[in-house]
């Protein structure tokens, strides 16, 4: 499937492109997986979005949320073995 920018064949600056239904569904799925705490599944959904649309503001925003959540979980996992020590 071609990206919207590839379909026009022009290199002129463009307005913000819509994600399209398929990409929007992957984005919403990523948000839902994130809400369930399933970071890996959320990342998989982001990867299903067309590469040329991954710089879309909405995609970037959700990807940042996923990365932030992944960092928080990583920190908890690293600190977890010491929870019972005084």
PDB file of N, CA and C in Angstrom:
ATOM      1  N   UNK A   1       0.846  -1.180   0.000  1.00  0.00           N
ATOM      2  CA  UNK A   1       0.000   0.000   0.000  1.00  0.00           C
ATOM      3  C   UNK A   1       0.888   1.237   0.000  1.00  0.00           C
ATOM      4  N   UNK A   2       0.568   2.173  -0.839  1.00  0.00           N
ATOM      5  CA  UNK A   2       1.381   3.380  -0.955  1.00  0.00           C
ATOM      6  C   UNK A   2       0.929   4.428   0.049  1.00  0.00           C
ATOM      7  N   UNK A   3       1.885   5.245   0.456  1.00  0.00           N
ATOM      8  CA  UNK A   3       1.591   6.341   1.375  1.00  0.00           C
ATOM      9  C   UNK A   3       0.953   7.491   0.614  1.00  0.00           C
ATOM     10  N   UNK A   4       0.179   8.326   1.296  1.00  0.00           N
ATOM     11  CA  UNK A   4      -0.463   9.463   0.630  1.00  0.00           C
ATOM     12  C   UNK A   4       0.523  10.364  -0.092  1.00  0.00           C
ATOM     13  N   UNK A   5       1.725  10.540   0.461  1.00  0.00           N
ATOM     14  CA  UNK A   5       2.711  11.406  -0.187  1.00  0.00           C
ATOM     15  C   UNK A   5       3.227  10.780  -1.476  1.00  0.00           C
ATOM     16  N   UNK A   6       3.248   9.456  -1.555  1.00  0.00           N
ATOM     17  CA  UNK A   6       3.724   8.783  -2.752  1.00  0.00           C
ATOM     18  C   UNK A   6       2.691   8.837  -3.872  1.00  0.00           C
ATOM     19  N   UNK A   7       1.433   8.941  -3.499  1.00  0.00           N
ATOM     20  CA  UNK A   7       0.365   8.940  -4.490  1.00  0.00           C
ATOM     21  C   UNK A   7       0.336  10.227  -5.305  1.00  0.00           C
ATOM     22  N   UNK A   8       0.726  11.338  -4.691  1.00  0.00           N
ATOM     23  CA  UNK A   8       0.663  12.618  -5.394  1.00  0.00           C
ATOM     24  C   UNK A   8       1.841  12.816  -6.327  1.00  0.00           C
ATOM     25  N   UNK A   9       2.977  12.219  -6.005  1.00  0.00           N
ATOM     26  CA  UNK A   9       4.156  12.335  -6.842  1.00  0.00           C
ATOM     27  C   UNK A   9       4.824  13.689  -6.772  1.00  0.00           C
ATOM     28  N   UNK A  10       4.407  14.547  -5.881  1.00  0.00           N
ATOM     29  CA  UNK A  10       4.958  15.889  -5.756  1.00  0.00           C
ATOM     30  C   UNK A  10       5.809  15.961  -4.499  1.00  0.00           C
ATOM     31  N   UNK A  11       6.828  16.795  -4.533  1.00  0.00           N
ATOM     32  CA  UNK A  11       7.667  16.961  -3.348  1.00  0.00           C
ATOM     33  C   UNK A  11       7.362  18.276  -2.628  1.00  0.00           C
ATOM     34  N   UNK A  12       6.313  18.969  -3.039  1.00  0.00           N
ATOM     35  CA  UNK A  12       5.933  20.239  -2.415  1.00  0.00           C
ATOM     36  C   UNK A  12       5.424  19.986  -0.999  1.00  0.00           C
ATOM     37  N   UNK A  13       5.551  20.985  -0.107  1.00  0.00           N
ATOM     38  CA  UNK A  13       5.026  20.831   1.259  1.00  0.00           C
ATOM     39  C   UNK A  13       3.531  20.535   1.224  1.00  0.00           C
ATOM     40  N   UNK A  14       3.106  19.694   2.151  1.00  0.00           N
ATOM     41  CA  UNK A  14       1.708  19.263   2.170  1.00  0.00           C
ATOM     42  C   UNK A  14       1.067  19.540   3.515  1.00  0.00           C
ATOM     43  N   UNK A  15      -0.240  19.512   3.483  1.00  0.00           N
ATOM     44  CA  UNK A  15      -0.992  19.587   4.717  1.00  0.00           C
ATOM     45  C   UNK A  15      -0.832  18.268   5.471  1.00  0.00           C
ATOM     46  N   UNK A  16      -1.203  18.275   6.733  1.00  0.00           N
ATOM     47  CA  UNK A  16      -1.148  17.054   7.528  1.00  0.00           C
ATOM     48  C   UNK A  16      -2.073  16.007   6.892  1.00  0.00           C
ATOM     49  N   UNK A  17      -1.545  14.835   6.680  1.00  0.00           N
ATOM     50  CA  UNK A  17      -2.331  13.762   6.073  1.00  0.00           C
ATOM     51  C   UNK A  17      -3.160  13.041   7.120  1.00  0.00           C
ATOM     52  N   UNK A  18      -4.287  12.552   6.668  1.00  0.00           N
ATOM     53  CA  UNK A  18      -5.099  11.712   7.524  1.00  0.00           C
ATOM     54  C   UNK A  18      -4.440  10.347   7.611  1.00  0.00           C
ATOM     55  N   UNK A  19      -4.712   9.664   8.687  1.00  0.00           N
ATOM     56  CA  UNK A  19      -4.129   8.340   8.863  1.00  0.00           C
ATOM     57  C   UNK A  19      -4.822   7.281   8.007  1.00  0.00           C
ATOM     58  N   UNK A  20      -6.066   7.484   7.714  1.00  0.00           N
ATOM     59  CA  UNK A  20      -6.826   6.455   7.019  1.00  0.00           C
ATOM     60  C   UNK A  20      -7.380   5.475   8.041  1.00  0.00           C
ATOM     61  N   UNK A  21      -8.396   4.754   7.672  1.00  0.00           N
ATOM     62  CA  UNK A  21      -9.103   3.888   8.619  1.00  0.00           C
ATOM     63  C   UNK A  21      -8.224   2.769   9.167  1.00  0.00           C
ATOM     64  N   UNK A  22      -7.462   2.118   8.311  1.00  0.00           N
ATOM     65  CA  UNK A  22      -6.624   0.989   8.757  1.00  0.00           C
ATOM     66  C   UNK A  22      -5.556   1.456   9.760  1.00  0.00           C
ATOM     67  N   UNK A  23      -4.864   2.534   9.430  1.00  0.00           N
ATOM     68  CA  UNK A  23      -3.826   3.043  10.327  1.00  0.00           C
ATOM     69  C   UNK A  23      -4.427   3.599  11.612  1.00  0.00           C
ATOM     70  N   UNK A  24      -5.582   4.256  11.499  1.00  0.00           N
ATOM     71  CA  UNK A  24      -6.258   4.792  12.689  1.00  0.00           C
ATOM     72  C   UNK A  24      -6.685   3.653  13.620  1.00  0.00           C
ATOM     73  N   UNK A  25      -7.110   2.534  13.043  1.00  0.00           N
ATOM     74  CA  UNK A  25      -7.490   1.379  13.868  1.00  0.00           C
ATOM     75  C   UNK A  25      -6.282   0.818  14.618  1.00  0.00           C
ATOM     76  N   UNK A  26      -5.137   0.771  13.951  1.00  0.00           N
ATOM     77  CA  UNK A  26      -3.918   0.299  14.625  1.00  0.00           C
ATOM     78  C   UNK A  26      -3.524   1.253  15.751  1.00  0.00           C
ATOM     79  N   UNK A  27      -3.686   2.550  15.500  1.00  0.00           N
ATOM     80  CA  UNK A  27      -3.356   3.542  16.519  1.00  0.00           C
ATOM     81  C   UNK A  27      -4.265   3.394  17.732  1.00  0.00           C
ATOM     82  N   UNK A  28      -5.561   3.261  17.507  1.00  0.00           N
ATOM     83  CA  UNK A  28      -6.500   3.096  18.628  1.00  0.00           C
ATOM     84  C   UNK A  28      -6.245   1.786  19.353  1.00  0.00           C
ATOM     85  N   UNK A  29      -5.921   0.745  18.613  1.00  0.00           N
ATOM     86  CA  UNK A  29      -5.597  -0.543  19.240  1.00  0.00           C
ATOM     87  C   UNK A  29      -4.382  -0.395  20.144  1.00  0.00           C
ATOM     88  N   UNK A  30      -3.389   0.358  19.689  1.00  0.00           N
ATOM     89  CA  UNK A  30      -2.196   0.598  20.504  1.00  0.00           C
ATOM     90  C   UNK A  30      -2.578   1.301  21.806  1.00  0.00           C
ATOM     91  N   UNK A  31      -3.473   2.274  21.704  1.00  0.00           N
ATOM     92  CA  UNK A  31      -3.919   2.987  22.911  1.00  0.00           C
ATOM     93  C   UNK A  31      -4.634   2.048  23.871  1.00  0.00           C
ATOM     94  N   UNK A  32      -5.475   1.179  23.343  1.00  0.00           N
ATOM     95  CA  UNK A  32      -6.206   0.236  24.196  1.00  0.00           C
ATOM     96  C   UNK A  32      -5.262  -0.767  24.854  1.00  0.00           C
ATOM     97  N   UNK A  33      -4.293  -1.286  24.085  1.00  0.00           N
ATOM     98  CA  UNK A  33      -3.309  -2.209  24.658  1.00  0.00           C
ATOM     99  C   UNK A  33      -2.529  -1.513  25.762  1.00  0.00           C
ATOM    100  N   UNK A  34      -2.173  -0.260  25.529  1.00  0.00           N
ATOM    101  CA  UNK A  34      -1.438   0.494  26.540  1.00  0.00           C
ATOM    102  C   UNK A  34      -2.280   0.655  27.803  1.00  0.00           C
ATOM    103  N   UNK A  35      -3.552   0.956  27.635  1.00  0.00           N
ATOM    104  CA  UNK A  35      -4.454   1.103  28.784  1.00  0.00           C
ATOM    105  C   UNK A  35      -4.557  -0.198  29.586  1.00  0.00           C
ATOM    106  N   UNK A  36      -4.394  -1.325  28.887  1.00  0.00           N
ATOM    107  CA  UNK A  36      -4.426  -2.629  29.561  1.00  0.00           C
ATOM    108  C   UNK A  36      -3.074  -3.014  30.138  1.00  0.00           C
ATOM    109  N   UNK A  37      -2.066  -2.190  29.893  1.00  0.00           N
ATOM    110  CA  UNK A  37      -0.736  -2.476  30.407  1.00  0.00           C
ATOM    111  C   UNK A  37       0.073  -3.427  29.541  1.00  0.00           C
ATOM    112  N   UNK A  38      -0.385  -3.662  28.332  1.00  0.00           N
ATOM    113  CA  UNK A  38       0.298  -4.577  27.409  1.00  0.00           C
ATOM    114  C   UNK A  38       1.188  -3.779  26.464  1.00  0.00           C
ATOM    115  N   UNK A  39       2.372  -3.442  26.954  1.00  0.00           N
ATOM    116  CA  UNK A  39       3.292  -2.582  26.206  1.00  0.00           C
ATOM    117  C   UNK A  39       3.726  -3.232  24.894  1.00  0.00           C
ATOM    118  N   UNK A  40       4.078  -4.508  24.956  1.00  0.00           N
ATOM    119  CA  UNK A  40       4.549  -5.193  23.748  1.00  0.00           C
ATOM    120  C   UNK A  40       3.481  -5.193  22.662  1.00  0.00           C
ATOM    121  N   UNK A  41       2.248  -5.469  23.031  1.00  0.00           N
ATOM    122  CA  UNK A  41       1.149  -5.472  22.058  1.00  0.00           C
ATOM    123  C   UNK A  41       0.925  -4.079  21.483  1.00  0.00           C
ATOM    124  N   UNK A  42       1.041  -3.063  22.329  1.00  0.00           N
ATOM    125  CA  UNK A  42       0.886  -1.681  21.858  1.00  0.00           C
ATOM    126  C   UNK A  42       1.953  -1.340  20.826  1.00  0.00           C
ATOM    127  N   UNK A  43       3.187  -1.745  21.084  1.00  0.00           N
ATOM    128  CA  UNK A  43       4.273  -1.501  20.129  1.00  0.00           C
ATOM    129  C   UNK A  43       4.037  -2.233  18.812  1.00  0.00           C
ATOM    130  N   UNK A  44       3.530  -3.445  18.903  1.00  0.00           N
ATOM    131  CA  UNK A  44       3.229  -4.192  17.679  1.00  0.00           C
ATOM    132  C   UNK A  44       2.197  -3.474  16.823  1.00  0.00           C
ATOM    133  N   UNK A  45       1.207  -2.874  17.463  1.00  0.00           N
ATOM    134  CA  UNK A  45       0.196  -2.125  16.714  1.00  0.00           C
ATOM    135  C   UNK A  45       0.795  -0.891  16.046  1.00  0.00           C
ATOM    136  N   UNK A  46       1.689  -0.196  16.742  1.00  0.00           N
ATOM    137  CA  UNK A  46       2.347   0.971  16.147  1.00  0.00           C
ATOM    138  C   UNK A  46       3.161   0.547  14.930  1.00  0.00           C
ATOM    139  N   UNK A  47       3.815  -0.604  15.012  1.00  0.00           N
ATOM    140  CA  UNK A  47       4.625  -1.094  13.898  1.00  0.00           C
ATOM    141  C   UNK A  47       3.781  -1.452  12.680  1.00  0.00           C
ATOM    142  N   UNK A  48       2.503  -1.704  12.890  1.00  0.00           N
ATOM    143  CA  UNK A  48       1.609  -2.041  11.772  1.00  0.00           C
ATOM    144  C   UNK A  48       1.173  -0.800  10.989  1.00  0.00           C
ATOM    145  N   UNK A  49       1.408   0.375  11.549  1.00  0.00           N
ATOM    146  CA  UNK A  49       1.070   1.625  10.858  1.00  0.00           C
ATOM    147  C   UNK A  49       2.093   1.838   9.750  1.00  0.00           C
ATOM    148  N   UNK A  50       1.612   2.292   8.601  1.00  0.00           N
ATOM    149  CA  UNK A  50       2.514   2.535   7.477  1.00  0.00           C
ATOM    150  C   UNK A  50       3.693   3.390   7.932  1.00  0.00           C
ATOM    151  N   UNK A  51       4.870   2.995   7.505  1.00  0.00           N
ATOM    152  CA  UNK A  51       6.097   3.666   7.933  1.00  0.00           C
ATOM    153  C   UNK A  51       6.049   5.178   7.666  1.00  0.00           C
ATOM    154  N   UNK A  52       5.553   5.578   6.525  1.00  0.00           N
ATOM    155  CA  UNK A  52       5.540   7.005   6.178  1.00  0.00           C
ATOM    156  C   UNK A  52       4.572   7.813   7.046  1.00  0.00           C
ATOM    157  N   UNK A  53       3.641   7.148   7.737  1.00  0.00           N
ATOM    158  CA  UNK A  53       2.680   7.851   8.591  1.00  0.00           C
ATOM    159  C   UNK A  53       3.049   7.790  10.067  1.00  0.00           C
ATOM    160  N   UNK A  54       4.174   7.174  10.388  1.00  0.00           N
ATOM    161  CA  UNK A  54       4.581   7.083  11.791  1.00  0.00           C
ATOM    162  C   UNK A  54       5.066   8.414  12.349  1.00  0.00           C
ATOM    163  N   UNK A  55       5.249   9.398  11.492  1.00  0.00           N
ATOM    164  CA  UNK A  55       5.624  10.736  11.954  1.00  0.00           C
ATOM    165  C   UNK A  55       4.404  11.637  12.114  1.00  0.00           C
ATOM    166  N   UNK A  56       3.232  11.069  11.928  1.00  0.00           N
ATOM    167  CA  UNK A  56       1.977  11.798  12.143  1.00  0.00           C
ATOM    168  C   UNK A  56       1.912  12.182  13.625  1.00  0.00           C
ATOM    169  N   UNK A  57       1.462  13.395  13.941  1.00  0.00           N
ATOM    170  CA  UNK A  57       1.443  13.855  15.343  1.00  0.00           C
ATOM    171  C   UNK A  57       0.727  12.908  16.306  1.00  0.00           C
ATOM    172  N   UNK A  58      -0.379  12.322  15.890  1.00  0.00           N
ATOM    173  CA  UNK A  58      -1.096  11.411  16.782  1.00  0.00           C
ATOM    174  C   UNK A  58      -0.293  10.144  17.044  1.00  0.00           C
ATOM    175  N   UNK A  59       0.365   9.632  16.020  1.00  0.00           N
ATOM    176  CA  UNK A  59       1.172   8.420  16.166  1.00  0.00           C
ATOM    177  C   UNK A  59       2.356   8.699  17.087  1.00  0.00           C
ATOM    178  N   UNK A  60       3.000   9.834  16.888  1.00  0.00           N
ATOM    179  CA  UNK A  60       4.139  10.208  17.729  1.00  0.00           C
ATOM    180  C   UNK A  60       3.708  10.331  19.185  1.00  0.00           C
ATOM    181  N   UNK A  61       2.556  10.927  19.418  1.00  0.00           N
ATOM    182  CA  UNK A  61       2.055  11.112  20.777  1.00  0.00           C
ATOM    183  C   UNK A  61       1.829   9.766  21.474  1.00  0.00           C
ATOM    184  N   UNK A  62       1.189   8.831  20.790  1.00  0.00           N
ATOM    185  CA  UNK A  62       0.925   7.515  21.380  1.00  0.00           C
ATOM    186  C   UNK A  62       2.233   6.749  21.568  1.00  0.00           C
ATOM    187  N   UNK A  63       3.133   6.836  20.591  1.00  0.00           N
ATOM    188  CA  UNK A  63       4.420   6.158  20.711  1.00  0.00           C
ATOM    189  C   UNK A  63       5.202   6.679  21.917  1.00  0.00           C
ATOM    190  N   UNK A  64       5.134   7.976  22.168  1.00  0.00           N
ATOM    191  CA  UNK A  64       5.809   8.551  23.333  1.00  0.00           C
ATOM    192  C   UNK A  64       5.205   8.029  24.638  1.00  0.00           C
ATOM    193  N   UNK A  65       3.887   7.906  24.672  1.00  0.00           N
ATOM    194  CA  UNK A  65       3.224   7.353  25.863  1.00  0.00           C
ATOM    195  C   UNK A  65       3.682   5.919  26.109  1.00  0.00           C
ATOM    196  N   UNK A  66       3.790   5.145  25.040  1.00  0.00           N
ATOM    197  CA  UNK A  66       4.229   3.753  25.159  1.00  0.00           C
ATOM    198  C   UNK A  66       5.662   3.698  25.681  1.00  0.00           C
ATOM    199  N   UNK A  67       6.539   4.524  25.130  1.00  0.00           N
ATOM    200  CA  UNK A  67       7.936   4.546  25.573  1.00  0.00           C
ATOM    201  C   UNK A  67       8.050   4.960  27.034  1.00  0.00           C
ATOM    202  N   UNK A  68       7.254   5.949  27.433  1.00  0.00           N
ATOM    203  CA  UNK A  68       7.269   6.399  28.822  1.00  0.00           C
ATOM    204  C   UNK A  68       6.826   5.277  29.745  1.00  0.00           C
ATOM    205  N   UNK A  69       5.760   4.610  29.388  1.00  0.00           N
ATOM    206  CA  UNK A  69       5.245   3.505  30.202  1.00  0.00           C
ATOM    207  C   UNK A  69       6.262   2.365  30.268  1.00  0.00           C
ATOM    208  N   UNK A  70       6.926   2.088  29.155  1.00  0.00           N
ATOM    209  CA  UNK A  70       7.938   1.028  29.126  1.00  0.00           C
ATOM    210  C   UNK A  70       9.094   1.369  30.066  1.00  0.00           C
ATOM    211  N   UNK A  71       9.510   2.629  30.085  1.00  0.00           N
ATOM    212  CA  UNK A  71      10.586   3.050  30.984  1.00  0.00           C
ATOM    213  C   UNK A  71      10.175   2.891  32.447  1.00  0.00           C
ATOM    214  N   UNK A  72       8.934   3.259  32.753  1.00  0.00           N
ATOM    215  CA  UNK A  72       8.456   3.135  34.130  1.00  0.00           C
ATOM    216  C   UNK A  72       8.429   1.674  34.563  1.00  0.00           C
ATOM    217  N   UNK A  73       7.967   0.807  33.682  1.00  0.00           N
ATOM    218  CA  UNK A  73       7.923  -0.617  34.005  1.00  0.00           C
ATOM    219  C   UNK A  73       9.331  -1.165  34.165  1.00  0.00           C
ATOM    220  N   UNK A  74      10.235  -0.744  33.298  1.00  0.00           N
ATOM    221  CA  UNK A  74      11.624  -1.190  33.386  1.00  0.00           C
ATOM    222  C   UNK A  74      12.239  -0.783  34.716  1.00  0.00           C
ATOM    223  N   UNK A  75      11.974   0.434  35.155  1.00  0.00           N
ATOM    224  CA  UNK A  75      12.491   0.899  36.440  1.00  0.00           C
ATOM    225  C   UNK A  75      11.924   0.079  37.581  1.00  0.00           C
ATOM    226  N   UNK A  76      10.639  -0.253  37.522  1.00  0.00           N
ATOM    227  CA  UNK A  76      10.017  -1.061  38.569  1.00  0.00           C
ATOM    228  C   UNK A  76      10.623  -2.450  38.611  1.00  0.00           C
ATOM    229  N   UNK A  77      10.883  -3.035  37.458  1.00  0.00           N
ATOM    230  CA  UNK A  77      11.451  -4.377  37.391  1.00  0.00           C
ATOM    231  C   UNK A  77      12.862  -4.373  37.961  1.00  0.00           C
ATOM    232  N   UNK A  78      13.616  -3.339  37.653  1.00  0.00           N
ATOM    233  CA  UNK A  78      14.984  -3.249  38.165  1.00  0.00           C
ATOM    234  C   UNK A  78      14.971  -3.090  39.685  1.00  0.00           C
ATOM    235  N   UNK A  79      14.039  -2.315  40.200  1.00  0.00           N
ATOM    236  CA  UNK A  79      13.983  -2.066  41.634  1.00  0.00           C
ATOM    237  C   UNK A  79      13.272  -3.179  42.406  1.00  0.00           C
ATOM    238  N   UNK A  80      12.455  -3.961  41.740  1.00  0.00           N
ATOM    239  CA  UNK A  80      11.627  -4.955  42.396  1.00  0.00           C
ATOM    240  C   UNK A  80      12.381  -5.951  43.281  1.00  0.00           C
ATOM    241  N   UNK A  81      13.522  -6.517  42.863  1.00  0.00           N
ATOM    242  CA  UNK A  81      14.166  -7.519  43.717  1.00  0.00           C
ATOM    243  C   UNK A  81      14.565  -7.022  45.108  1.00  0.00           C
ATOM    244  N   UNK A  82      14.640  -5.703  45.294  1.00  0.00           N
ATOM    245  CA  UNK A  82      15.071  -5.141  46.560  1.00  0.00           C
ATOM    246  C   UNK A  82      13.922  -4.651  47.413  1.00  0.00           C
ATOM    247  N   UNK A  83      12.704  -4.970  47.066  1.00  0.00           N
ATOM    248  CA  UNK A  83      11.571  -4.413  47.782  1.00  0.00           C
ATOM    249  C   UNK A  83      11.506  -4.866  49.235  1.00  0.00           C
ATOM    250  N   UNK A  84      12.024  -6.052  49.550  1.00  0.00           N
ATOM    251  CA  UNK A  84      11.882  -6.557  50.901  1.00  0.00           C
ATOM    252  C   UNK A  84      13.122  -6.308  51.766  1.00  0.00           C
ATOM    253  N   UNK A  85      14.133  -5.654  51.243  1.00  0.00           N
ATOM    254  CA  UNK A  85      15.338  -5.373  52.021  1.00  0.00           C
ATOM    255  C   UNK A  85      15.206  -4.044  52.752  1.00  0.00           C
ATOM    256  N   UNK A  86      15.813  -4.005  53.917  1.00  0.00           N
ATOM    257  CA  UNK A  86      15.788  -2.764  54.700  1.00  0.00           C
ATOM    258  C   UNK A  86      17.137  -2.114  54.731  1.00  0.00           C
TER     259      UNK A  86
END
